[in-house]
Amino acid sequence: MKFAICLNNGGYEASLEVGKVYRVIPDREAADHGYIRMVDESGEDYAFAADRFYEIEFPPPVEATLDAALH
């Protein structure tokens, strides 16, 4: 499971929160084009430019807690 923190929400202020951790949804096609897919504040999944985020790896217990909290 991957997570990313939002670093830049310019132009997407209603969809993304700077500093918030989002669960990354695997999407090879989006990644091949420089995008990262996640569920935004609308509750829908969208692909955003990957440079808006910093991917983070957490220890398994933290990942499990975040995954449960973000569902």
PDB file of N, CA and C in Angstrom:
ATOM      1  N   MET A   1       0.842  -1.173   0.000  1.00  0.00           N
ATOM      2  CA  MET A   1       0.000   0.000   0.000  1.00  0.00           C
ATOM      3  C   MET A   1       0.884   1.232   0.000  1.00  0.00           C
ATOM      4  N   LYS A   2       0.512   2.209  -0.800  1.00  0.00           N
ATOM      5  CA  LYS A   2       1.287   3.441  -0.874  1.00  0.00           C
ATOM      6  C   LYS A   2       0.444   4.612  -0.389  1.00  0.00           C
ATOM      7  N   PHE A   3       1.143   5.583   0.151  1.00  0.00           N
ATOM      8  CA  PHE A   3       0.513   6.815   0.595  1.00  0.00           C
ATOM      9  C   PHE A   3       1.325   7.984   0.082  1.00  0.00           C
ATOM     10  N   ALA A   4       0.668   9.145  -0.040  1.00  0.00           N
ATOM     11  CA  ALA A   4       1.361  10.352  -0.478  1.00  0.00           C
ATOM     12  C   ALA A   4       0.777  11.542   0.268  1.00  0.00           C
ATOM     13  N   ILE A   5       1.637  12.507   0.532  1.00  0.00           N
ATOM     14  CA  ILE A   5       1.197  13.731   1.192  1.00  0.00           C
ATOM     15  C   ILE A   5       1.105  14.831   0.134  1.00  0.00           C
ATOM     16  N   CYS A   6       0.047  15.606   0.199  1.00  0.00           N
ATOM     17  CA  CYS A   6      -0.155  16.689  -0.763  1.00  0.00           C
ATOM     18  C   CYS A   6       0.752  17.866  -0.412  1.00  0.00           C
ATOM     19  N   LEU A   7       1.522  18.318  -1.393  1.00  0.00           N
ATOM     20  CA  LEU A   7       2.424  19.456  -1.219  1.00  0.00           C
ATOM     21  C   LEU A   7       1.910  20.715  -1.902  1.00  0.00           C
ATOM     22  N   ASN A   8       1.024  20.549  -2.888  1.00  0.00           N
ATOM     23  CA  ASN A   8       0.565  21.681  -3.690  1.00  0.00           C
ATOM     24  C   ASN A   8      -0.861  21.403  -4.163  1.00  0.00           C
ATOM     25  N   ASN A   9      -1.800  22.254  -3.766  1.00  0.00           N
ATOM     26  CA  ASN A   9      -3.183  22.080  -4.215  1.00  0.00           C
ATOM     27  C   ASN A   9      -3.631  23.216  -5.139  1.00  0.00           C
ATOM     28  N   GLY A  10      -2.678  23.966  -5.669  1.00  0.00           N
ATOM     29  CA  GLY A  10      -2.996  25.094  -6.547  1.00  0.00           C
ATOM     30  C   GLY A  10      -3.938  24.695  -7.675  1.00  0.00           C
ATOM     31  N   GLY A  11      -5.076  25.372  -7.758  1.00  0.00           N
ATOM     32  CA  GLY A  11      -6.078  25.075  -8.771  1.00  0.00           C
ATOM     33  C   GLY A  11      -7.033  23.964  -8.381  1.00  0.00           C
ATOM     34  N   TYR A  12      -6.744  23.303  -7.278  1.00  0.00           N
ATOM     35  CA  TYR A  12      -7.578  22.187  -6.806  1.00  0.00           C
ATOM     36  C   TYR A  12      -7.880  22.339  -5.308  1.00  0.00           C
ATOM     37  N   GLU A  13      -8.057  23.572  -4.865  1.00  0.00           N
ATOM     38  CA  GLU A  13      -8.243  23.840  -3.445  1.00  0.00           C
ATOM     39  C   GLU A  13      -9.433  23.095  -2.836  1.00  0.00           C
ATOM     40  N   ALA A  14     -10.484  22.878  -3.618  1.00  0.00           N
ATOM     41  CA  ALA A  14     -11.658  22.159  -3.108  1.00  0.00           C
ATOM     42  C   ALA A  14     -11.454  20.647  -3.131  1.00  0.00           C
ATOM     43  N   SER A  15     -10.468  20.178  -3.897  1.00  0.00           N
ATOM     44  CA  SER A  15     -10.258  18.746  -4.077  1.00  0.00           C
ATOM     45  C   SER A  15      -9.127  18.170  -3.245  1.00  0.00           C
ATOM     46  N   LEU A  16      -8.128  18.992  -2.931  1.00  0.00           N
ATOM     47  CA  LEU A  16      -6.937  18.522  -2.220  1.00  0.00           C
ATOM     48  C   LEU A  16      -6.607  19.444  -1.055  1.00  0.00           C
ATOM     49  N   GLU A  17      -6.078  18.869   0.014  1.00  0.00           N
ATOM     50  CA  GLU A  17      -5.639  19.641   1.173  1.00  0.00           C
ATOM     51  C   GLU A  17      -4.133  19.494   1.329  1.00  0.00           C
ATOM     52  N   VAL A  18      -3.424  20.615   1.337  1.00  0.00           N
ATOM     53  CA  VAL A  18      -1.974  20.584   1.545  1.00  0.00           C
ATOM     54  C   VAL A  18      -1.696  19.985   2.931  1.00  0.00           C
ATOM     55  N   GLY A  19      -0.755  19.071   2.974  1.00  0.00           N
ATOM     56  CA  GLY A  19      -0.369  18.426   4.232  1.00  0.00           C
ATOM     57  C   GLY A  19      -1.165  17.181   4.562  1.00  0.00           C
ATOM     58  N   LYS A  20      -2.216  16.910   3.809  1.00  0.00           N
ATOM     59  CA  LYS A  20      -3.032  15.721   4.073  1.00  0.00           C
ATOM     60  C   LYS A  20      -2.416  14.495   3.405  1.00  0.00           C
ATOM     61  N   VAL A  21      -2.508  13.361   4.096  1.00  0.00           N
ATOM     62  CA  VAL A  21      -2.021  12.096   3.561  1.00  0.00           C
ATOM     63  C   VAL A  21      -3.160  11.421   2.808  1.00  0.00           C
ATOM     64  N   TYR A  22      -2.879  11.005   1.586  1.00  0.00           N
ATOM     65  CA  TYR A  22      -3.850  10.314   0.738  1.00  0.00           C
ATOM     66  C   TYR A  22      -3.340   8.922   0.415  1.00  0.00           C
ATOM     67  N   ARG A  23      -4.265   7.970   0.321  1.00  0.00           N
ATOM     68  CA  ARG A  23      -3.903   6.614  -0.103  1.00  0.00           C
ATOM     69  C   ARG A  23      -3.842   6.601  -1.623  1.00  0.00           C
ATOM     70  N   VAL A  24      -2.728   6.099  -2.148  1.00  0.00           N
ATOM     71  CA  VAL A  24      -2.523   6.031  -3.590  1.00  0.00           C
ATOM     72  C   VAL A  24      -3.237   4.806  -4.147  1.00  0.00           C
ATOM     73  N   ILE A  25      -3.966   5.000  -5.226  1.00  0.00           N
ATOM     74  CA  ILE A  25      -4.634   3.903  -5.927  1.00  0.00           C
ATOM     75  C   ILE A  25      -3.733   3.505  -7.097  1.00  0.00           C
ATOM     76  N   PRO A  26      -3.297   2.253  -7.134  1.00  0.00           N
ATOM     77  CA  PRO A  26      -2.408   1.836  -8.227  1.00  0.00           C
ATOM     78  C   PRO A  26      -3.043   2.083  -9.600  1.00  0.00           C
ATOM     79  N   ASP A  27      -2.297   2.751 -10.467  1.00  0.00           N
ATOM     80  CA  ASP A  27      -2.760   3.037 -11.820  1.00  0.00           C
ATOM     81  C   ASP A  27      -1.524   3.228 -12.690  1.00  0.00           C
ATOM     82  N   ARG A  28      -1.096   2.161 -13.333  1.00  0.00           N
ATOM     83  CA  ARG A  28       0.134   2.194 -14.128  1.00  0.00           C
ATOM     84  C   ARG A  28       0.031   3.191 -15.278  1.00  0.00           C
ATOM     85  N   GLU A  29      -1.129   3.255 -15.928  1.00  0.00           N
ATOM     86  CA  GLU A  29      -1.289   4.173 -17.052  1.00  0.00           C
ATOM     87  C   GLU A  29      -1.123   5.619 -16.602  1.00  0.00           C
ATOM     88  N   ALA A  30      -1.742   5.976 -15.471  1.00  0.00           N
ATOM     89  CA  ALA A  30      -1.589   7.331 -14.941  1.00  0.00           C
ATOM     90  C   ALA A  30      -0.124   7.600 -14.600  1.00  0.00           C
ATOM     91  N   ALA A  31       0.527   6.648 -13.943  1.00  0.00           N
ATOM     92  CA  ALA A  31       1.932   6.806 -13.560  1.00  0.00           C
ATOM     93  C   ALA A  31       2.828   6.983 -14.784  1.00  0.00           C
ATOM     94  N   ASP A  32       2.517   6.255 -15.849  1.00  0.00           N
ATOM     95  CA  ASP A  32       3.308   6.374 -17.085  1.00  0.00           C
ATOM     96  C   ASP A  32       3.236   7.780 -17.685  1.00  0.00           C
ATOM     97  N   HIS A  33       2.195   8.520 -17.322  1.00  0.00           N
ATOM     98  CA  HIS A  33       2.012   9.880 -17.839  1.00  0.00           C
ATOM     99  C   HIS A  33       2.332  10.943 -16.783  1.00  0.00           C
ATOM    100  N   GLY A  34       2.945  10.526 -15.654  1.00  0.00           N
ATOM    101  CA  GLY A  34       3.351  11.478 -14.623  1.00  0.00           C
ATOM    102  C   GLY A  34       2.252  11.870 -13.660  1.00  0.00           C
ATOM    103  N   TYR A  35       1.241  11.007 -13.533  1.00  0.00           N
ATOM    104  CA  TYR A  35       0.131  11.281 -12.629  1.00  0.00           C
ATOM    105  C   TYR A  35       0.077  10.248 -11.512  1.00  0.00           C
ATOM    106  N   ILE A  36      -0.648  10.606 -10.470  1.00  0.00           N
ATOM    107  CA  ILE A  36      -0.869   9.721  -9.339  1.00  0.00           C
ATOM    108  C   ILE A  36      -2.378   9.729  -9.067  1.00  0.00           C
ATOM    109  N   ARG A  37      -2.958   8.565  -8.829  1.00  0.00           N
ATOM    110  CA  ARG A  37      -4.401   8.462  -8.629  1.00  0.00           C
ATOM    111  C   ARG A  37      -4.708   8.266  -7.145  1.00  0.00           C
ATOM    112  N   MET A  38      -5.727   8.986  -6.680  1.00  0.00           N
ATOM    113  CA  MET A  38      -6.179   8.864  -5.296  1.00  0.00           C
ATOM    114  C   MET A  38      -7.600   9.370  -5.167  1.00  0.00           C
ATOM    115  N   VAL A  39      -8.231   9.073  -4.057  1.00  0.00           N
ATOM    116  CA  VAL A  39      -9.570   9.588  -3.777  1.00  0.00           C
ATOM    117  C   VAL A  39      -9.393  10.972  -3.164  1.00  0.00           C
ATOM    118  N   ASP A  40      -9.974  11.977  -3.811  1.00  0.00           N
ATOM    119  CA  ASP A  40      -9.823  13.347  -3.317  1.00  0.00           C
ATOM    120  C   ASP A  40     -10.951  13.713  -2.357  1.00  0.00           C
ATOM    121  N   GLU A  41     -11.064  14.984  -2.027  1.00  0.00           N
ATOM    122  CA  GLU A  41     -12.045  15.441  -1.035  1.00  0.00           C
ATOM    123  C   GLU A  41     -13.494  15.291  -1.505  1.00  0.00           C
ATOM    124  N   SER A  42     -13.710  15.096  -2.802  1.00  0.00           N
ATOM    125  CA  SER A  42     -15.069  14.891  -3.307  1.00  0.00           C
ATOM    126  C   SER A  42     -15.547  13.464  -3.056  1.00  0.00           C
ATOM    127  N   GLY A  43     -14.597  12.583  -2.702  1.00  0.00           N
ATOM    128  CA  GLY A  43     -14.931  11.180  -2.504  1.00  0.00           C
ATOM    129  C   GLY A  43     -14.773  10.349  -3.762  1.00  0.00           C
ATOM    130  N   GLU A  44     -14.365  10.989  -4.850  1.00  0.00           N
ATOM    131  CA  GLU A  44     -14.147  10.299  -6.127  1.00  0.00           C
ATOM    132  C   GLU A  44     -12.654  10.136  -6.355  1.00  0.00           C
ATOM    133  N   ASP A  45     -12.288   9.116  -7.159  1.00  0.00           N
ATOM    134  CA  ASP A  45     -10.865   8.968  -7.456  1.00  0.00           C
ATOM    135  C   ASP A  45     -10.524   9.725  -8.737  1.00  0.00           C
ATOM    136  N   TYR A  46      -9.398  10.417  -8.677  1.00  0.00           N
ATOM    137  CA  TYR A  46      -8.900  11.207  -9.798  1.00  0.00           C
ATOM    138  C   TYR A  46      -7.396  11.062  -9.885  1.00  0.00           C
ATOM    139  N   ALA A  47      -6.858  11.350 -11.049  1.00  0.00           N
ATOM    140  CA  ALA A  47      -5.414  11.375 -11.236  1.00  0.00           C
ATOM    141  C   ALA A  47      -4.965  12.836 -11.223  1.00  0.00           C
ATOM    142  N   PHE A  48      -3.954  13.108 -10.427  1.00  0.00           N
ATOM    143  CA  PHE A  48      -3.365  14.442 -10.316  1.00  0.00           C
ATOM    144  C   PHE A  48      -1.891  14.348 -10.692  1.00  0.00           C
ATOM    145  N   ALA A  49      -1.302  15.456 -11.083  1.00  0.00           N
ATOM    146  CA  ALA A  49       0.125  15.483 -11.390  1.00  0.00           C
ATOM    147  C   ALA A  49       0.907  14.987 -10.173  1.00  0.00           C
ATOM    148  N   ALA A  50       1.786  14.053 -10.404  1.00  0.00           N
ATOM    149  CA  ALA A  50       2.534  13.420  -9.309  1.00  0.00           C
ATOM    150  C   ALA A  50       3.415  14.417  -8.563  1.00  0.00           C
ATOM    151  N   ASP A  51       3.836  15.489  -9.229  1.00  0.00           N
ATOM    152  CA  ASP A  51       4.713  16.441  -8.550  1.00  0.00           C
ATOM    153  C   ASP A  51       3.983  17.282  -7.503  1.00  0.00           C
ATOM    154  N   ARG A  52       2.687  17.095  -7.362  1.00  0.00           N
ATOM    155  CA  ARG A  52       1.925  17.756  -6.293  1.00  0.00           C
ATOM    156  C   ARG A  52       2.048  17.000  -4.973  1.00  0.00           C
ATOM    157  N   PHE A  53       2.642  15.816  -5.019  1.00  0.00           N
ATOM    158  CA  PHE A  53       2.675  14.919  -3.862  1.00  0.00           C
ATOM    159  C   PHE A  53       4.073  14.405  -3.579  1.00  0.00           C
ATOM    160  N   TYR A  54       4.251  13.934  -2.359  1.00  0.00           N
ATOM    161  CA  TYR A  54       5.474  13.240  -1.964  1.00  0.00           C
ATOM    162  C   TYR A  54       5.041  11.885  -1.431  1.00  0.00           C
ATOM    163  N   GLU A  55       5.486  10.822  -2.090  1.00  0.00           N
ATOM    164  CA  GLU A  55       5.102   9.474  -1.646  1.00  0.00           C
ATOM    165  C   GLU A  55       5.844   9.112  -0.368  1.00  0.00           C
ATOM    166  N   ILE A  56       5.127   8.471   0.545  1.00  0.00           N
ATOM    167  CA  ILE A  56       5.649   8.131   1.862  1.00  0.00           C
ATOM    168  C   ILE A  56       5.455   6.651   2.122  1.00  0.00           C
ATOM    169  N   GLU A  57       6.463   6.025   2.707  1.00  0.00           N
ATOM    170  CA  GLU A  57       6.330   4.636   3.161  1.00  0.00           C
ATOM    171  C   GLU A  57       6.262   4.659   4.681  1.00  0.00           C
ATOM    172  N   PHE A  58       5.293   3.948   5.222  1.00  0.00           N
ATOM    173  CA  PHE A  58       5.124   3.845   6.664  1.00  0.00           C
ATOM    174  C   PHE A  58       5.359   2.409   7.104  1.00  0.00           C
ATOM    175  N   PRO A  59       5.685   2.200   8.376  1.00  0.00           N
ATOM    176  CA  PRO A  59       5.755   0.833   8.904  1.00  0.00           C
ATOM    177  C   PRO A  59       4.369   0.180   8.799  1.00  0.00           C
ATOM    178  N   PRO A  60       4.314  -1.152   8.664  1.00  0.00           N
ATOM    179  CA  PRO A  60       3.028  -1.848   8.495  1.00  0.00           C
ATOM    180  C   PRO A  60       1.932  -1.466   9.491  1.00  0.00           C
ATOM    181  N   PRO A  61       2.206  -1.325  10.794  1.00  0.00           N
ATOM    182  CA  PRO A  61       1.104  -0.947  11.701  1.00  0.00           C
ATOM    183  C   PRO A  61       0.529   0.434  11.397  1.00  0.00           C
ATOM    184  N   VAL A  62       1.373   1.352  10.967  1.00  0.00           N
ATOM    185  CA  VAL A  62       0.904   2.700  10.621  1.00  0.00           C
ATOM    186  C   VAL A  62       0.094   2.641   9.329  1.00  0.00           C
ATOM    187  N   GLU A  63       0.566   1.875   8.343  1.00  0.00           N
ATOM    188  CA  GLU A  63      -0.180   1.714   7.092  1.00  0.00           C
ATOM    189  C   GLU A  63      -1.570   1.153   7.359  1.00  0.00           C
ATOM    190  N   ALA A  64      -1.655   0.145   8.201  1.00  0.00           N
ATOM    191  CA  ALA A  64      -2.957  -0.472   8.505  1.00  0.00           C
ATOM    192  C   ALA A  64      -3.899   0.540   9.151  1.00  0.00           C
ATOM    193  N   THR A  65      -3.374   1.344  10.061  1.00  0.00           N
ATOM    194  CA  THR A  65      -4.200   2.351  10.731  1.00  0.00           C
ATOM    195  C   THR A  65      -4.662   3.417   9.746  1.00  0.00           C
ATOM    196  N   LEU A  66      -3.736   3.909   8.902  1.00  0.00           N
ATOM    197  CA  LEU A  66      -4.105   4.911   7.904  1.00  0.00           C
ATOM    198  C   LEU A  66      -5.104   4.360   6.897  1.00  0.00           C
ATOM    199  N   ASP A  67      -4.880   3.123   6.451  1.00  0.00           N
ATOM    200  CA  ASP A  67      -5.795   2.518   5.485  1.00  0.00           C
ATOM    201  C   ASP A  67      -7.202   2.451   6.058  1.00  0.00           C
ATOM    202  N   ALA A  68      -7.310   2.043   7.306  1.00  0.00           N
ATOM    203  CA  ALA A  68      -8.632   1.946   7.950  1.00  0.00           C
ATOM    204  C   ALA A  68      -9.262   3.333   8.099  1.00  0.00           C
ATOM    205  N   ALA A  69      -8.462   4.323   8.429  1.00  0.00           N
ATOM    206  CA  ALA A  69      -8.980   5.671   8.639  1.00  0.00           C
ATOM    207  C   ALA A  69      -9.388   6.354   7.339  1.00  0.00           C
ATOM    208  N   LEU A  70      -8.730   5.999   6.235  1.00  0.00           N
ATOM    209  CA  LEU A  70      -9.008   6.663   4.956  1.00  0.00           C
ATOM    210  C   LEU A  70     -10.080   5.964   4.135  1.00  0.00           C
ATOM    211  N   HIS A  71     -10.648   4.899   4.641  1.00  0.00           N
ATOM    212  CA  HIS A  71     -11.718   4.215   3.894  1.00  0.00           C
ATOM    213  C   HIS A  71     -13.051   4.789   4.248  1.00  0.00           C
TER     214      HIS A  71
END
